[in-house]
Amino acid sequence: MAIVTATEFNQRPSEVKARSEREPVFVTDRGRATTVVLSIAEFERLRAAKPVRSLGQALVADDDIDLDIVRENSSGRAADLDD
């Protein structure tokens, strides 16, 4: 991960573009990341990635999901109420 300031980005855009071919380049403004420069290949790879779904979304989807849910029948342990 490379980090450059906004000033460096404005002064040397060709270097930032070349570096983004190897790794994402974070551009900071007043010490805070505001922009990320990516190669087009990395952008396309991220865009094509399947979105992360929550468990709830996966369960209501039409996907075939086999869940082997086993309920534990132990009674647990007795509570110790002595001080």
PDB file of N, CA and C in Angstrom:
ATOM      1  N   MET A   1       0.851  -1.166   0.000  1.00  0.00           N
ATOM      2  CA  MET A   1       0.000   0.000   0.000  1.00  0.00           C
ATOM      3  C   MET A   1       0.898   1.230   0.000  1.00  0.00           C
ATOM      4  N   ALA A   2       0.690   2.098  -0.954  1.00  0.00           N
ATOM      5  CA  ALA A   2       1.462   3.329  -1.056  1.00  0.00           C
ATOM      6  C   ALA A   2       0.593   4.498  -0.609  1.00  0.00           C
ATOM      7  N   ILE A   3       1.246   5.483  -0.017  1.00  0.00           N
ATOM      8  CA  ILE A   3       0.545   6.677   0.439  1.00  0.00           C
ATOM      9  C   ILE A   3       1.294   7.897  -0.090  1.00  0.00           C
ATOM     10  N   VAL A   4       0.544   8.815  -0.709  1.00  0.00           N
ATOM     11  CA  VAL A   4       1.117  10.081  -1.164  1.00  0.00           C
ATOM     12  C   VAL A   4       0.201  11.207  -0.708  1.00  0.00           C
ATOM     13  N   THR A   5       0.776  12.373  -0.540  1.00  0.00           N
ATOM     14  CA  THR A   5      -0.039  13.534  -0.197  1.00  0.00           C
ATOM     15  C   THR A   5      -0.709  14.066  -1.456  1.00  0.00           C
ATOM     16  N   ALA A   6      -1.717  14.891  -1.257  1.00  0.00           N
ATOM     17  CA  ALA A   6      -2.402  15.509  -2.397  1.00  0.00           C
ATOM     18  C   ALA A   6      -1.434  16.363  -3.207  1.00  0.00           C
ATOM     19  N   THR A   7      -0.517  17.012  -2.524  1.00  0.00           N
ATOM     20  CA  THR A   7       0.485  17.832  -3.222  1.00  0.00           C
ATOM     21  C   THR A   7       1.370  16.963  -4.109  1.00  0.00           C
ATOM     22  N   GLU A   8       1.849  15.833  -3.553  1.00  0.00           N
ATOM     23  CA  GLU A   8       2.676  14.913  -4.350  1.00  0.00           C
ATOM     24  C   GLU A   8       1.892  14.376  -5.542  1.00  0.00           C
ATOM     25  N   PHE A   9       0.629  14.059  -5.311  1.00  0.00           N
ATOM     26  CA  PHE A   9      -0.221  13.554  -6.385  1.00  0.00           C
ATOM     27  C   PHE A   9      -0.340  14.577  -7.505  1.00  0.00           C
ATOM     28  N   ASN A  10      -0.530  15.844  -7.146  1.00  0.00           N
ATOM     29  CA  ASN A  10      -0.677  16.902  -8.147  1.00  0.00           C
ATOM     30  C   ASN A  10       0.627  17.201  -8.871  1.00  0.00           C
ATOM     31  N   GLN A  11       1.749  17.048  -8.174  1.00  0.00           N
ATOM     32  CA  GLN A  11       3.046  17.368  -8.777  1.00  0.00           C
ATOM     33  C   GLN A  11       3.578  16.231  -9.651  1.00  0.00           C
ATOM     34  N   ARG A  12       3.241  14.978  -9.316  1.00  0.00           N
ATOM     35  CA  ARG A  12       3.788  13.829 -10.053  1.00  0.00           C
ATOM     36  C   ARG A  12       2.710  12.793 -10.380  1.00  0.00           C
ATOM     37  N   PRO A  13       1.701  13.178 -11.137  1.00  0.00           N
ATOM     38  CA  PRO A  13       0.617  12.229 -11.431  1.00  0.00           C
ATOM     39  C   PRO A  13       1.080  11.000 -12.212  1.00  0.00           C
ATOM     40  N   SER A  14       2.062  11.148 -13.076  1.00  0.00           N
ATOM     41  CA  SER A  14       2.540  10.004 -13.857  1.00  0.00           C
ATOM     42  C   SER A  14       3.173   8.946 -12.963  1.00  0.00           C
ATOM     43  N   GLU A  15       3.909   9.385 -11.942  1.00  0.00           N
ATOM     44  CA  GLU A  15       4.514   8.433 -11.007  1.00  0.00           C
ATOM     45  C   GLU A  15       3.449   7.705 -10.202  1.00  0.00           C
ATOM     46  N   VAL A  16       2.423   8.436  -9.787  1.00  0.00           N
ATOM     47  CA  VAL A  16       1.336   7.821  -9.019  1.00  0.00           C
ATOM     48  C   VAL A  16       0.605   6.805  -9.894  1.00  0.00           C
ATOM     49  N   LYS A  17       0.340   7.154 -11.133  1.00  0.00           N
ATOM     50  CA  LYS A  17      -0.325   6.216 -12.043  1.00  0.00           C
ATOM     51  C   LYS A  17       0.524   4.971 -12.259  1.00  0.00           C
ATOM     52  N   ALA A  18       1.813   5.140 -12.440  1.00  0.00           N
ATOM     53  CA  ALA A  18       2.697   3.990 -12.642  1.00  0.00           C
ATOM     54  C   ALA A  18       2.731   3.112 -11.400  1.00  0.00           C
ATOM     55  N   ARG A  19       2.778   3.731 -10.240  1.00  0.00           N
ATOM     56  CA  ARG A  19       2.805   2.948  -8.993  1.00  0.00           C
ATOM     57  C   ARG A  19       1.490   2.196  -8.773  1.00  0.00           C
ATOM     58  N   SER A  20       0.385   2.792  -9.218  1.00  0.00           N
ATOM     59  CA  SER A  20      -0.922   2.135  -9.042  1.00  0.00           C
ATOM     60  C   SER A  20      -1.035   0.849  -9.854  1.00  0.00           C
ATOM     61  N   GLU A  21      -0.153   0.653 -10.823  1.00  0.00           N
ATOM     62  CA  GLU A  21      -0.131  -0.606 -11.570  1.00  0.00           C
ATOM     63  C   GLU A  21       0.389  -1.753 -10.700  1.00  0.00           C
ATOM     64  N   ARG A  22       1.159  -1.415  -9.666  1.00  0.00           N
ATOM     65  CA  ARG A  22       1.727  -2.422  -8.771  1.00  0.00           C
ATOM     66  C   ARG A  22       0.925  -2.591  -7.489  1.00  0.00           C
ATOM     67  N   GLU A  23       0.301  -1.493  -7.023  1.00  0.00           N
ATOM     68  CA  GLU A  23      -0.429  -1.523  -5.756  1.00  0.00           C
ATOM     69  C   GLU A  23      -1.348  -0.314  -5.686  1.00  0.00           C
ATOM     70  N   PRO A  24      -2.391  -0.379  -4.869  1.00  0.00           N
ATOM     71  CA  PRO A  24      -3.253   0.794  -4.685  1.00  0.00           C
ATOM     72  C   PRO A  24      -2.456   1.938  -4.067  1.00  0.00           C
ATOM     73  N   VAL A  25      -2.761   3.151  -4.483  1.00  0.00           N
ATOM     74  CA  VAL A  25      -2.089   4.334  -3.954  1.00  0.00           C
ATOM     75  C   VAL A  25      -3.134   5.201  -3.250  1.00  0.00           C
ATOM     76  N   PHE A  26      -2.937   5.414  -1.965  1.00  0.00           N
ATOM     77  CA  PHE A  26      -3.831   6.252  -1.176  1.00  0.00           C
ATOM     78  C   PHE A  26      -3.325   7.688  -1.222  1.00  0.00           C
ATOM     79  N   VAL A  27      -4.235   8.618  -1.523  1.00  0.00           N
ATOM     80  CA  VAL A  27      -3.904  10.036  -1.573  1.00  0.00           C
ATOM     81  C   VAL A  27      -4.492  10.675  -0.320  1.00  0.00           C
ATOM     82  N   THR A  28      -3.640  11.383   0.428  1.00  0.00           N
ATOM     83  CA  THR A  28      -4.096  11.995   1.671  1.00  0.00           C
ATOM     84  C   THR A  28      -4.212  13.500   1.519  1.00  0.00           C
ATOM     85  N   ASP A  29      -5.144  14.060   2.255  1.00  0.00           N
ATOM     86  CA  ASP A  29      -5.325  15.501   2.317  1.00  0.00           C
ATOM     87  C   ASP A  29      -5.387  15.870   3.792  1.00  0.00           C
ATOM     88  N   ARG A  30      -4.392  16.609   4.234  1.00  0.00           N
ATOM     89  CA  ARG A  30      -4.265  16.981   5.647  1.00  0.00           C
ATOM     90  C   ARG A  30      -4.194  15.747   6.544  1.00  0.00           C
ATOM     91  N   GLY A  31      -3.462  14.743   6.073  1.00  0.00           N
ATOM     92  CA  GLY A  31      -3.232  13.539   6.861  1.00  0.00           C
ATOM     93  C   GLY A  31      -4.336  12.505   6.811  1.00  0.00           C
ATOM     94  N   ARG A  32      -5.408  12.762   6.077  1.00  0.00           N
ATOM     95  CA  ARG A  32      -6.536  11.832   6.001  1.00  0.00           C
ATOM     96  C   ARG A  32      -6.676  11.312   4.583  1.00  0.00           C
ATOM     97  N   ALA A  33      -6.787   9.988   4.449  1.00  0.00           N
ATOM     98  CA  ALA A  33      -6.949   9.394   3.115  1.00  0.00           C
ATOM     99  C   ALA A  33      -8.273   9.861   2.514  1.00  0.00           C
ATOM    100  N   THR A  34      -8.195  10.385   1.289  1.00  0.00           N
ATOM    101  CA  THR A  34      -9.400  10.888   0.623  1.00  0.00           C
ATOM    102  C   THR A  34      -9.677  10.200  -0.710  1.00  0.00           C
ATOM    103  N   THR A  35      -8.628   9.623  -1.301  1.00  0.00           N
ATOM    104  CA  THR A  35      -8.753   9.048  -2.633  1.00  0.00           C
ATOM    105  C   THR A  35      -7.850   7.833  -2.741  1.00  0.00           C
ATOM    106  N   VAL A  36      -8.278   6.857  -3.553  1.00  0.00           N
ATOM    107  CA  VAL A  36      -7.433   5.698  -3.847  1.00  0.00           C
ATOM    108  C   VAL A  36      -7.301   5.607  -5.358  1.00  0.00           C
ATOM    109  N   VAL A  37      -6.074   5.456  -5.831  1.00  0.00           N
ATOM    110  CA  VAL A  37      -5.811   5.298  -7.262  1.00  0.00           C
ATOM    111  C   VAL A  37      -5.514   3.820  -7.494  1.00  0.00           C
ATOM    112  N   LEU A  38      -6.302   3.204  -8.386  1.00  0.00           N
ATOM    113  CA  LEU A  38      -6.164   1.783  -8.708  1.00  0.00           C
ATOM    114  C   LEU A  38      -5.878   1.611 -10.193  1.00  0.00           C
ATOM    115  N   SER A  39      -5.210   0.521 -10.516  1.00  0.00           N
ATOM    116  CA  SER A  39      -5.073   0.173 -11.930  1.00  0.00           C
ATOM    117  C   SER A  39      -6.446  -0.267 -12.432  1.00  0.00           C
ATOM    118  N   ILE A  40      -6.652  -0.186 -13.713  1.00  0.00           N
ATOM    119  CA  ILE A  40      -7.932  -0.622 -14.277  1.00  0.00           C
ATOM    120  C   ILE A  40      -8.127  -2.119 -14.060  1.00  0.00           C
ATOM    121  N   ALA A  41      -7.050  -2.894 -14.088  1.00  0.00           N
ATOM    122  CA  ALA A  41      -7.153  -4.340 -13.853  1.00  0.00           C
ATOM    123  C   ALA A  41      -7.654  -4.622 -12.440  1.00  0.00           C
ATOM    124  N   GLU A  42      -7.124  -3.897 -11.462  1.00  0.00           N
ATOM    125  CA  GLU A  42      -7.568  -4.092 -10.070  1.00  0.00           C
ATOM    126  C   GLU A  42      -9.005  -3.630  -9.897  1.00  0.00           C
ATOM    127  N   PHE A  43      -9.371  -2.525 -10.528  1.00  0.00           N
ATOM    128  CA  PHE A  43     -10.738  -2.033 -10.461  1.00  0.00           C
ATOM    129  C   PHE A  43     -11.709  -3.061 -11.038  1.00  0.00           C
ATOM    130  N   GLU A  44     -11.393  -3.615 -12.204  1.00  0.00           N
ATOM    131  CA  GLU A  44     -12.259  -4.619 -12.828  1.00  0.00           C
ATOM    132  C   GLU A  44     -12.353  -5.877 -11.974  1.00  0.00           C
ATOM    133  N   ARG A  45     -11.238  -6.278 -11.347  1.00  0.00           N
ATOM    134  CA  ARG A  45     -11.252  -7.452 -10.478  1.00  0.00           C
ATOM    135  C   ARG A  45     -12.188  -7.223  -9.290  1.00  0.00           C
ATOM    136  N   LEU A  46     -12.108  -6.055  -8.694  1.00  0.00           N
ATOM    137  CA  LEU A  46     -12.975  -5.742  -7.559  1.00  0.00           C
ATOM    138  C   LEU A  46     -14.436  -5.637  -7.981  1.00  0.00           C
ATOM    139  N   ARG A  47     -14.660  -5.066  -9.138  1.00  0.00           N
ATOM    140  CA  ARG A  47     -16.033  -4.902  -9.632  1.00  0.00           C
ATOM    141  C   ARG A  47     -16.676  -6.249  -9.950  1.00  0.00           C
ATOM    142  N   ALA A  48     -15.869  -7.203 -10.397  1.00  0.00           N
ATOM    143  CA  ALA A  48     -16.397  -8.517 -10.768  1.00  0.00           C
ATOM    144  C   ALA A  48     -16.580  -9.431  -9.562  1.00  0.00           C
ATOM    145  N   ALA A  49     -15.978  -9.077  -8.436  1.00  0.00           N
ATOM    146  CA  ALA A  49     -16.076  -9.932  -7.242  1.00  0.00           C
ATOM    147  C   ALA A  49     -17.526 -10.019  -6.786  1.00  0.00           C
ATOM    148  N   LYS A  50     -17.887 -11.195  -6.300  1.00  0.00           N
ATOM    149  CA  LYS A  50     -19.243 -11.370  -5.788  1.00  0.00           C
ATOM    150  C   LYS A  50     -19.415 -10.544  -4.521  1.00  0.00           C
ATOM    151  N   PRO A  51     -20.563  -9.908  -4.385  1.00  0.00           N
ATOM    152  CA  PRO A  51     -20.789  -9.129  -3.169  1.00  0.00           C
ATOM    153  C   PRO A  51     -20.912 -10.043  -1.948  1.00  0.00           C
ATOM    154  N   VAL A  52     -20.475  -9.547  -0.830  1.00  0.00           N
ATOM    155  CA  VAL A  52     -20.576 -10.299   0.412  1.00  0.00           C
ATOM    156  C   VAL A  52     -22.019 -10.212   0.889  1.00  0.00           C
ATOM    157  N   ARG A  53     -22.576 -11.372   1.216  1.00  0.00           N
ATOM    158  CA  ARG A  53     -23.953 -11.393   1.708  1.00  0.00           C
ATOM    159  C   ARG A  53     -23.954 -11.719   3.190  1.00  0.00           C
ATOM    160  N   SER A  54     -24.955 -11.231   3.863  1.00  0.00           N
ATOM    161  CA  SER A  54     -25.124 -11.580   5.259  1.00  0.00           C
ATOM    162  C   SER A  54     -25.719 -12.984   5.339  1.00  0.00           C
ATOM    163  N   LEU A  55     -25.673 -13.582   6.503  1.00  0.00           N
ATOM    164  CA  LEU A  55     -26.254 -14.907   6.689  1.00  0.00           C
ATOM    165  C   LEU A  55     -27.746 -14.879   6.378  1.00  0.00           C
ATOM    166  N   GLY A  56     -28.411 -13.821   6.805  1.00  0.00           N
ATOM    167  CA  GLY A  56     -29.842 -13.695   6.536  1.00  0.00           C
ATOM    168  C   GLY A  56     -30.143 -13.653   5.051  1.00  0.00           C
ATOM    169  N   GLN A  57     -29.341 -12.902   4.295  1.00  0.00           N
ATOM    170  CA  GLN A  57     -29.530 -12.824   2.848  1.00  0.00           C
ATOM    171  C   GLN A  57     -29.279 -14.186   2.207  1.00  0.00           C
ATOM    172  N   ALA A  58     -28.293 -14.913   2.686  1.00  0.00           N
ATOM    173  CA  ALA A  58     -27.982 -16.228   2.129  1.00  0.00           C
ATOM    174  C   ALA A  58     -29.114 -17.204   2.414  1.00  0.00           C
ATOM    175  N   LEU A  59     -29.714 -17.114   3.583  1.00  0.00           N
ATOM    176  CA  LEU A  59     -30.778 -18.052   3.948  1.00  0.00           C
ATOM    177  C   LEU A  59     -32.067 -17.813   3.172  1.00  0.00           C
ATOM    178  N   VAL A  60     -32.363 -16.564   2.821  1.00  0.00           N
ATOM    179  CA  VAL A  60     -33.600 -16.297   2.085  1.00  0.00           C
ATOM    180  C   VAL A  60     -33.396 -16.395   0.573  1.00  0.00           C
ATOM    181  N   ALA A  61     -32.166 -16.521   0.132  1.00  0.00           N
ATOM    182  CA  ALA A  61     -31.888 -16.648  -1.305  1.00  0.00           C
ATOM    183  C   ALA A  61     -32.326 -18.026  -1.795  1.00  0.00           C
ATOM    184  N   ASP A  62     -32.403 -18.171  -3.094  1.00  0.00           N
ATOM    185  CA  ASP A  62     -32.814 -19.437  -3.690  1.00  0.00           C
ATOM    186  C   ASP A  62     -31.682 -20.449  -3.765  1.00  0.00           C
ATOM    187  N   ASP A  63     -30.542 -20.132  -3.174  1.00  0.00           N
ATOM    188  CA  ASP A  63     -29.399 -21.042  -3.211  1.00  0.00           C
ATOM    189  C   ASP A  63     -29.707 -22.309  -2.416  1.00  0.00           C
ATOM    190  N   ASP A  64     -29.117 -23.402  -2.840  1.00  0.00           N
ATOM    191  CA  ASP A  64     -29.244 -24.648  -2.089  1.00  0.00           C
ATOM    192  C   ASP A  64     -28.207 -24.651  -0.978  1.00  0.00           C
ATOM    193  N   ILE A  65     -28.672 -24.404   0.230  1.00  0.00           N
ATOM    194  CA  ILE A  65     -27.780 -24.405   1.386  1.00  0.00           C
ATOM    195  C   ILE A  65     -28.254 -25.492   2.329  1.00  0.00           C
ATOM    196  N   ASP A  66     -27.361 -26.432   2.619  1.00  0.00           N
ATOM    197  CA  ASP A  66     -27.680 -27.502   3.562  1.00  0.00           C
ATOM    198  C   ASP A  66     -27.073 -27.158   4.904  1.00  0.00           C
ATOM    199  N   LEU A  67     -27.932 -27.022   5.900  1.00  0.00           N
ATOM    200  CA  LEU A  67     -27.466 -26.750   7.244  1.00  0.00           C
ATOM    201  C   LEU A  67     -27.751 -27.962   8.116  1.00  0.00           C
ATOM    202  N   ASP A  68     -26.739 -28.464   8.760  1.00  0.00           N
ATOM    203  CA  ASP A  68     -26.904 -29.554   9.718  1.00  0.00           C
ATOM    204  C   ASP A  68     -26.882 -28.942  11.105  1.00  0.00           C
ATOM    205  N   ILE A  69     -28.053 -28.572  11.575  1.00  0.00           N
ATOM    206  CA  ILE A  69     -28.158 -27.925  12.875  1.00  0.00           C
ATOM    207  C   ILE A  69     -28.480 -28.990  13.915  1.00  0.00           C
ATOM    208  N   VAL A  70     -27.635 -29.064  14.921  1.00  0.00           N
ATOM    209  CA  VAL A  70     -27.820 -30.036  16.003  1.00  0.00           C
ATOM    210  C   VAL A  70     -28.056 -29.265  17.280  1.00  0.00           C
ATOM    211  N   ARG A  71     -29.146 -29.569  17.949  1.00  0.00           N
ATOM    212  CA  ARG A  71     -29.459 -28.893  19.201  1.00  0.00           C
ATOM    213  C   ARG A  71     -28.861 -29.685  20.343  1.00  0.00           C
ATOM    214  N   GLU A  72     -28.138 -29.004  21.186  1.00  0.00           N
ATOM    215  CA  GLU A  72     -27.545 -29.656  22.342  1.00  0.00           C
ATOM    216  C   GLU A  72     -28.608 -29.796  23.418  1.00  0.00           C
ATOM    217  N   ASN A  73     -28.721 -30.993  23.987  1.00  0.00           N
ATOM    218  CA  ASN A  73     -29.769 -31.263  24.971  1.00  0.00           C
ATOM    219  C   ASN A  73     -29.263 -31.263  26.403  1.00  0.00           C
ATOM    220  N   SER A  74     -28.060 -30.786  26.631  1.00  0.00           N
ATOM    221  CA  SER A  74     -27.558 -30.781  28.005  1.00  0.00           C
ATOM    222  C   SER A  74     -28.307 -29.741  28.814  1.00  0.00           C
ATOM    223  N   SER A  75     -28.395 -29.979  30.098  1.00  0.00           N
ATOM    224  CA  SER A  75     -29.110 -29.043  30.966  1.00  0.00           C
ATOM    225  C   SER A  75     -28.206 -27.933  31.476  1.00  0.00           C
ATOM    226  N   GLY A  76     -26.983 -27.930  31.008  1.00  0.00           N
ATOM    227  CA  GLY A  76     -26.052 -26.885  31.442  1.00  0.00           C
ATOM    228  C   GLY A  76     -25.499 -27.212  32.817  1.00  0.00           C
ATOM    229  N   ARG A  77     -25.176 -26.202  33.578  1.00  0.00           N
ATOM    230  CA  ARG A  77     -24.659 -26.442  34.926  1.00  0.00           C
ATOM    231  C   ARG A  77     -25.500 -25.663  35.905  1.00  0.00           C
ATOM    232  N   ALA A  78     -25.472 -26.102  37.107  1.00  0.00           N
ATOM    233  CA  ALA A  78     -26.280 -25.453  38.166  1.00  0.00           C
ATOM    234  C   ALA A  78     -25.654 -24.112  38.510  1.00  0.00           C
ATOM    235  N   ALA A  79     -26.505 -23.143  38.762  1.00  0.00           N
ATOM    236  CA  ALA A  79     -26.036 -21.806  39.143  1.00  0.00           C
ATOM    237  C   ALA A  79     -25.538 -21.823  40.577  1.00  0.00           C
ATOM    238  N   ASP A  80     -24.424 -21.195  40.826  1.00  0.00           N
ATOM    239  CA  ASP A  80     -23.871 -21.082  42.175  1.00  0.00           C
ATOM    240  C   ASP A  80     -24.356 -19.769  42.759  1.00  0.00           C
ATOM    241  N   LEU A  81     -25.319 -19.833  43.671  1.00  0.00           N
ATOM    242  CA  LEU A  81     -25.928 -18.614  44.235  1.00  0.00           C
ATOM    243  C   LEU A  81     -25.350 -18.263  45.595  1.00  0.00           C
ATOM    244  N   ASP A  82     -24.355 -19.009  46.063  1.00  0.00           N
ATOM    245  CA  ASP A  82     -23.726 -18.736  47.351  1.00  0.00           C
ATOM    246  C   ASP A  82     -22.737 -17.590  47.195  1.00  0.00           C
ATOM    247  N   ASP A  83     -22.761 -16.670  48.152  1.00  0.00           N
ATOM    248  CA  ASP A  83     -21.808 -15.545  48.129  1.00  0.00           C
ATOM    249  C   ASP A  83     -20.542 -15.904  48.800  1.00  0.00           C
TER     250      ASP A  83
END
